[in-house]
Amino acid sequence: MQAQKEAIAARMEADGGTLTVPKAGVGMVLTEMQLPGGDSVLAVKSLAPGAPALSSGMINRGDILLTVDGKRVTTSAEATKSILGERGSSISLQMERDGERFVVAMRRGTAAKLS
């Protein structure tokens, strides 16, 4: 136990006094698609095996990502910044499929979805 505490303290010192936690996502690859009217949307290109997005059982290829935790996202950069967070933290995605909107709640970097 003491060795673990010393290792954490050493890492914090190396990081300038803050312990950085690796960011985690939901295992979803998005692609920006241009609509005929000029607007663009973020469509699900693929889902990583065993990742939260696929494990939720609610997200499919071709679904459109509208919001992350209630915040509208329109570019891949915005989506990436909004989706990445602390492993195990909760996230809520508003999606659209065939004109129907739905919300998927899950935890970043885990296969467990929230109920």
N, C-alpha and C. Protein backbone atom coordinates (compact mmCIF):
# COMPACT_ATOMS: atom_id res chain seq x y z
N MET A 1 0.82 -1.18 0.00
CA MET A 1 0.00 0.00 0.00
C MET A 1 0.87 1.26 0.00
N GLN A 2 1.92 1.26 0.81
CA GLN A 2 2.83 2.40 0.88
C GLN A 2 3.51 2.61 -0.47
N ALA A 3 3.86 1.51 -1.14
CA ALA A 3 4.51 1.63 -2.45
C ALA A 3 3.58 2.29 -3.46
N GLN A 4 2.28 1.97 -3.39
CA GLN A 4 1.30 2.58 -4.29
C GLN A 4 1.20 4.07 -4.03
N LYS A 5 1.15 4.46 -2.77
CA LYS A 5 1.05 5.87 -2.41
C LYS A 5 2.28 6.63 -2.91
N GLU A 6 3.45 6.02 -2.76
CA GLU A 6 4.68 6.66 -3.21
C GLU A 6 4.69 6.80 -4.73
N ALA A 7 4.20 5.79 -5.43
CA ALA A 7 4.15 5.85 -6.89
C ALA A 7 3.21 6.95 -7.36
N ILE A 8 2.06 7.09 -6.70
CA ILE A 8 1.10 8.14 -7.04
C ILE A 8 1.71 9.51 -6.76
N ALA A 9 2.37 9.65 -5.61
CA ALA A 9 3.00 10.93 -5.25
C ALA A 9 4.08 11.30 -6.27
N ALA A 10 4.86 10.32 -6.70
CA ALA A 10 5.91 10.57 -7.69
C ALA A 10 5.31 11.00 -9.03
N ARG A 11 4.22 10.36 -9.40
CA ARG A 11 3.56 10.71 -10.66
C ARG A 11 2.98 12.11 -10.59
N MET A 12 2.39 12.45 -9.45
CA MET A 12 1.83 13.79 -9.28
C MET A 12 2.93 14.85 -9.36
N GLU A 13 4.06 14.56 -8.75
CA GLU A 13 5.18 15.50 -8.78
C GLU A 13 5.67 15.68 -10.22
N ALA A 14 5.74 14.59 -10.97
CA ALA A 14 6.18 14.65 -12.36
C ALA A 14 5.19 15.43 -13.22
N ASP A 15 3.90 15.38 -12.87
CA ASP A 15 2.86 16.08 -13.62
C ASP A 15 2.64 17.50 -13.12
N GLY A 16 3.53 18.01 -12.28
CA GLY A 16 3.41 19.37 -11.78
C GLY A 16 2.39 19.51 -10.66
N GLY A 17 2.20 18.44 -9.89
CA GLY A 17 1.30 18.51 -8.75
C GLY A 17 -0.12 18.06 -9.03
N THR A 18 -0.41 17.73 -10.28
CA THR A 18 -1.75 17.24 -10.60
C THR A 18 -1.62 15.86 -11.20
N LEU A 19 -2.52 15.00 -10.83
CA LEU A 19 -2.51 13.64 -11.35
C LEU A 19 -3.43 13.61 -12.57
N THR A 20 -2.86 13.34 -13.72
CA THR A 20 -3.67 13.31 -14.93
C THR A 20 -4.30 11.93 -15.08
N VAL A 21 -5.57 11.93 -15.40
CA VAL A 21 -6.30 10.69 -15.60
C VAL A 21 -6.52 10.52 -17.10
N PRO A 22 -6.14 9.36 -17.65
CA PRO A 22 -6.36 9.17 -19.09
C PRO A 22 -7.84 9.34 -19.44
N LYS A 23 -8.10 9.98 -20.56
CA LYS A 23 -9.47 10.20 -21.01
C LYS A 23 -10.00 8.93 -21.67
N ALA A 24 -11.31 8.74 -21.57
CA ALA A 24 -11.97 7.59 -22.17
C ALA A 24 -13.16 8.08 -22.98
N GLY A 25 -13.51 7.31 -23.99
CA GLY A 25 -14.66 7.65 -24.82
C GLY A 25 -15.70 6.55 -24.75
N VAL A 26 -16.47 6.42 -25.84
CA VAL A 26 -17.54 5.42 -25.88
C VAL A 26 -17.37 4.43 -27.02
N GLY A 27 -16.26 4.53 -27.78
CA GLY A 27 -15.99 3.57 -28.84
C GLY A 27 -16.84 3.77 -30.08
N MET A 28 -16.99 5.02 -30.48
CA MET A 28 -17.82 5.36 -31.63
C MET A 28 -17.02 6.23 -32.58
N VAL A 29 -16.93 5.83 -33.85
CA VAL A 29 -16.24 6.63 -34.86
C VAL A 29 -17.31 7.39 -35.64
N LEU A 30 -17.13 8.71 -35.73
CA LEU A 30 -18.11 9.56 -36.41
C LEU A 30 -17.53 10.10 -37.72
N THR A 31 -18.42 10.41 -38.64
CA THR A 31 -18.02 11.05 -39.89
C THR A 31 -18.94 12.23 -40.15
N GLU A 32 -18.36 13.31 -40.63
CA GLU A 32 -19.16 14.49 -40.96
C GLU A 32 -19.76 14.29 -42.34
N MET A 33 -21.09 14.44 -42.43
CA MET A 33 -21.79 14.29 -43.71
C MET A 33 -22.46 15.60 -44.08
N GLN A 34 -22.31 16.00 -45.33
CA GLN A 34 -22.92 17.23 -45.83
C GLN A 34 -24.33 16.93 -46.31
N LEU A 35 -25.31 17.69 -45.83
CA LEU A 35 -26.69 17.54 -46.27
C LEU A 35 -26.93 18.40 -47.50
N PRO A 36 -27.95 18.08 -48.29
CA PRO A 36 -28.22 18.85 -49.51
C PRO A 36 -28.39 20.35 -49.27
N GLY A 37 -28.95 20.77 -48.15
CA GLY A 37 -29.15 22.19 -47.86
C GLY A 37 -27.89 22.92 -47.43
N GLY A 38 -26.77 22.20 -47.28
CA GLY A 38 -25.52 22.82 -46.87
C GLY A 38 -25.14 22.55 -45.42
N ASP A 39 -26.11 22.13 -44.60
CA ASP A 39 -25.80 21.79 -43.22
C ASP A 39 -25.01 20.49 -43.17
N SER A 40 -24.31 20.28 -42.07
CA SER A 40 -23.59 19.02 -41.90
C SER A 40 -24.07 18.33 -40.62
N VAL A 41 -23.97 17.01 -40.60
CA VAL A 41 -24.34 16.22 -39.44
C VAL A 41 -23.23 15.24 -39.15
N LEU A 42 -23.24 14.70 -37.94
CA LEU A 42 -22.26 13.70 -37.54
C LEU A 42 -22.96 12.34 -37.52
N ALA A 43 -22.52 11.46 -38.41
CA ALA A 43 -23.11 10.13 -38.50
C ALA A 43 -22.15 9.10 -37.92
N VAL A 44 -22.70 8.06 -37.31
CA VAL A 44 -21.89 6.97 -36.76
C VAL A 44 -21.36 6.15 -37.93
N LYS A 45 -20.03 6.12 -38.03
CA LYS A 45 -19.36 5.36 -39.09
C LYS A 45 -19.13 3.93 -38.64
N SER A 46 -18.70 3.76 -37.39
CA SER A 46 -18.46 2.42 -36.86
C SER A 46 -18.48 2.44 -35.34
N LEU A 47 -18.63 1.24 -34.77
CA LEU A 47 -18.65 1.06 -33.32
C LEU A 47 -17.59 0.03 -32.96
N ALA A 48 -16.81 0.32 -31.93
CA ALA A 48 -15.75 -0.59 -31.49
C ALA A 48 -16.34 -1.77 -30.72
N PRO A 49 -15.87 -2.98 -31.03
CA PRO A 49 -16.37 -4.16 -30.31
C PRO A 49 -16.13 -4.03 -28.80
N GLY A 50 -17.16 -4.34 -28.01
CA GLY A 50 -17.04 -4.31 -26.56
C GLY A 50 -17.09 -2.94 -25.93
N ALA A 51 -17.16 -1.89 -26.74
CA ALA A 51 -17.17 -0.52 -26.22
C ALA A 51 -18.58 -0.13 -25.77
N PRO A 52 -18.69 0.92 -24.94
CA PRO A 52 -19.99 1.33 -24.42
C PRO A 52 -21.07 1.60 -25.48
N ALA A 53 -20.70 2.24 -26.59
CA ALA A 53 -21.70 2.57 -27.61
C ALA A 53 -22.34 1.30 -28.18
N LEU A 54 -21.52 0.30 -28.49
CA LEU A 54 -22.03 -0.96 -29.02
C LEU A 54 -22.75 -1.74 -27.94
N SER A 55 -22.17 -1.79 -26.75
CA SER A 55 -22.76 -2.54 -25.63
C SER A 55 -24.11 -1.99 -25.20
N SER A 56 -24.36 -0.71 -25.48
CA SER A 56 -25.66 -0.12 -25.12
C SER A 56 -26.79 -0.81 -25.86
N GLY A 57 -26.49 -1.34 -27.05
CA GLY A 57 -27.51 -1.99 -27.86
C GLY A 57 -28.48 -1.01 -28.50
N MET A 58 -28.18 0.28 -28.39
CA MET A 58 -29.11 1.30 -28.89
C MET A 58 -28.56 2.11 -30.06
N ILE A 59 -27.27 2.03 -30.32
CA ILE A 59 -26.65 2.85 -31.37
C ILE A 59 -26.25 1.96 -32.53
N ASN A 60 -26.59 2.42 -33.74
CA ASN A 60 -26.27 1.68 -34.96
C ASN A 60 -25.46 2.55 -35.92
N ARG A 61 -24.78 1.90 -36.85
CA ARG A 61 -24.11 2.64 -37.92
C ARG A 61 -25.16 3.47 -38.64
N GLY A 62 -24.80 4.70 -38.98
CA GLY A 62 -25.71 5.58 -39.70
C GLY A 62 -26.54 6.48 -38.81
N ASP A 63 -26.60 6.19 -37.51
CA ASP A 63 -27.32 7.07 -36.59
C ASP A 63 -26.63 8.43 -36.57
N ILE A 64 -27.40 9.47 -36.29
CA ILE A 64 -26.88 10.84 -36.25
C ILE A 64 -26.72 11.27 -34.80
N LEU A 65 -25.54 11.81 -34.45
CA LEU A 65 -25.30 12.35 -33.12
C LEU A 65 -25.74 13.81 -33.11
N LEU A 66 -26.64 14.15 -32.18
CA LEU A 66 -27.14 15.52 -32.08
C LEU A 66 -26.51 16.29 -30.93
N THR A 67 -26.55 15.69 -29.71
CA THR A 67 -26.01 16.37 -28.55
C THR A 67 -25.22 15.41 -27.66
N VAL A 68 -24.29 15.98 -26.90
CA VAL A 68 -23.53 15.25 -25.89
C VAL A 68 -23.78 15.97 -24.57
N ASP A 69 -24.37 15.28 -23.62
CA ASP A 69 -24.72 15.88 -22.33
C ASP A 69 -25.49 17.18 -22.51
N GLY A 70 -26.42 17.17 -23.47
CA GLY A 70 -27.30 18.32 -23.71
C GLY A 70 -26.70 19.43 -24.56
N LYS A 71 -25.43 19.30 -24.95
CA LYS A 71 -24.75 20.33 -25.74
C LYS A 71 -24.70 19.89 -27.21
N ARG A 72 -25.21 20.74 -28.09
CA ARG A 72 -25.22 20.46 -29.53
C ARG A 72 -23.80 20.34 -30.04
N VAL A 73 -23.54 19.31 -30.85
CA VAL A 73 -22.24 19.14 -31.49
C VAL A 73 -22.46 19.05 -33.00
N THR A 74 -21.62 19.77 -33.75
CA THR A 74 -21.80 19.79 -35.20
C THR A 74 -20.54 19.40 -35.97
N THR A 75 -19.41 19.31 -35.27
CA THR A 75 -18.17 18.91 -35.93
C THR A 75 -17.54 17.74 -35.18
N SER A 76 -16.67 17.02 -35.86
CA SER A 76 -15.97 15.90 -35.22
C SER A 76 -15.13 16.38 -34.05
N ALA A 77 -14.52 17.55 -34.19
CA ALA A 77 -13.68 18.10 -33.11
C ALA A 77 -14.52 18.40 -31.88
N GLU A 78 -15.71 19.01 -32.06
CA GLU A 78 -16.60 19.28 -30.93
C GLU A 78 -17.04 17.99 -30.26
N ALA A 79 -17.40 17.01 -31.09
CA ALA A 79 -17.87 15.73 -30.55
C ALA A 79 -16.78 15.05 -29.74
N THR A 80 -15.58 15.01 -30.27
CA THR A 80 -14.46 14.36 -29.58
C THR A 80 -14.21 15.04 -28.24
N LYS A 81 -14.15 16.37 -28.25
CA LYS A 81 -13.91 17.13 -27.02
C LYS A 81 -15.00 16.87 -25.98
N SER A 82 -16.25 16.78 -26.43
CA SER A 82 -17.37 16.57 -25.51
C SER A 82 -17.49 15.14 -25.01
N ILE A 83 -17.15 14.18 -25.87
CA ILE A 83 -17.31 12.77 -25.51
C ILE A 83 -16.20 12.29 -24.58
N LEU A 84 -14.96 12.69 -24.84
CA LEU A 84 -13.86 12.21 -23.99
C LEU A 84 -13.98 12.75 -22.58
N GLY A 85 -13.79 11.87 -21.61
CA GLY A 85 -13.87 12.26 -20.21
C GLY A 85 -13.30 11.17 -19.33
N GLU A 86 -13.50 11.33 -18.05
CA GLU A 86 -12.96 10.38 -17.08
C GLU A 86 -13.60 9.01 -17.25
N ARG A 87 -12.75 7.99 -17.30
CA ARG A 87 -13.23 6.60 -17.43
C ARG A 87 -14.24 6.30 -16.33
N GLY A 88 -15.38 5.75 -16.74
CA GLY A 88 -16.43 5.39 -15.79
C GLY A 88 -17.43 6.49 -15.52
N SER A 89 -17.15 7.71 -16.00
CA SER A 89 -18.11 8.80 -15.78
C SER A 89 -19.30 8.65 -16.74
N SER A 90 -20.44 9.18 -16.34
CA SER A 90 -21.63 9.02 -17.15
C SER A 90 -21.66 10.04 -18.29
N ILE A 91 -22.34 9.65 -19.36
CA ILE A 91 -22.49 10.51 -20.53
C ILE A 91 -23.85 10.22 -21.14
N SER A 92 -24.44 11.24 -21.71
CA SER A 92 -25.75 11.11 -22.34
C SER A 92 -25.65 11.63 -23.77
N LEU A 93 -26.02 10.80 -24.73
CA LEU A 93 -25.97 11.16 -26.14
C LEU A 93 -27.38 11.22 -26.71
N GLN A 94 -27.72 12.32 -27.36
CA GLN A 94 -28.99 12.36 -28.07
C GLN A 94 -28.69 12.00 -29.52
N MET A 95 -29.39 10.99 -30.00
CA MET A 95 -29.17 10.45 -31.33
C MET A 95 -30.45 10.60 -32.15
N GLU A 96 -30.32 10.41 -33.46
CA GLU A 96 -31.48 10.41 -34.34
C GLU A 96 -31.32 9.28 -35.35
N ARG A 97 -32.43 8.56 -35.57
CA ARG A 97 -32.46 7.49 -36.57
C ARG A 97 -33.82 7.55 -37.26
N ASP A 98 -33.80 7.66 -38.56
CA ASP A 98 -35.04 7.70 -39.36
C ASP A 98 -36.01 8.76 -38.84
N GLY A 99 -35.48 9.93 -38.46
CA GLY A 99 -36.32 11.02 -38.00
C GLY A 99 -36.76 10.93 -36.55
N GLU A 100 -36.46 9.83 -35.88
CA GLU A 100 -36.83 9.64 -34.48
C GLU A 100 -35.62 9.94 -33.59
N ARG A 101 -35.83 10.76 -32.58
CA ARG A 101 -34.76 11.10 -31.64
C ARG A 101 -34.86 10.23 -30.39
N PHE A 102 -33.70 9.89 -29.85
CA PHE A 102 -33.65 9.08 -28.63
C PHE A 102 -32.37 9.40 -27.87
N VAL A 103 -32.37 9.11 -26.58
CA VAL A 103 -31.23 9.40 -25.72
C VAL A 103 -30.62 8.09 -25.24
N VAL A 104 -29.30 8.03 -25.29
CA VAL A 104 -28.57 6.86 -24.81
C VAL A 104 -27.66 7.32 -23.67
N ALA A 105 -27.86 6.72 -22.49
CA ALA A 105 -27.03 7.03 -21.33
C ALA A 105 -26.10 5.85 -21.08
N MET A 106 -24.83 6.14 -20.85
CA MET A 106 -23.84 5.07 -20.63
C MET A 106 -22.69 5.63 -19.81
N ARG A 107 -21.69 4.80 -19.58
CA ARG A 107 -20.47 5.23 -18.88
C ARG A 107 -19.30 5.16 -19.85
N ARG A 108 -18.45 6.17 -19.80
CA ARG A 108 -17.29 6.21 -20.68
C ARG A 108 -16.33 5.06 -20.37
N GLY A 109 -15.84 4.44 -21.42
CA GLY A 109 -14.78 3.45 -21.30
C GLY A 109 -15.16 2.17 -20.58
N THR A 110 -16.44 1.92 -20.41
CA THR A 110 -16.88 0.67 -19.78
C THR A 110 -17.97 0.07 -20.64
N ALA A 111 -18.25 -1.18 -20.45
CA ALA A 111 -19.31 -1.82 -21.23
C ALA A 111 -20.66 -1.72 -20.53
N ALA A 112 -20.70 -1.10 -19.36
CA ALA A 112 -21.95 -1.03 -18.59
C ALA A 112 -22.74 0.23 -18.97
N LYS A 113 -23.98 0.04 -19.37
CA LYS A 113 -24.83 1.18 -19.67
C LYS A 113 -25.60 1.55 -18.41
N LEU A 114 -26.02 2.80 -18.35
CA LEU A 114 -26.83 3.25 -17.22
C LEU A 114 -28.28 2.87 -17.47
N SER A 115 -29.00 2.58 -16.42
CA SER A 115 -30.42 2.26 -16.62
C SER A 115 -31.29 3.42 -16.21
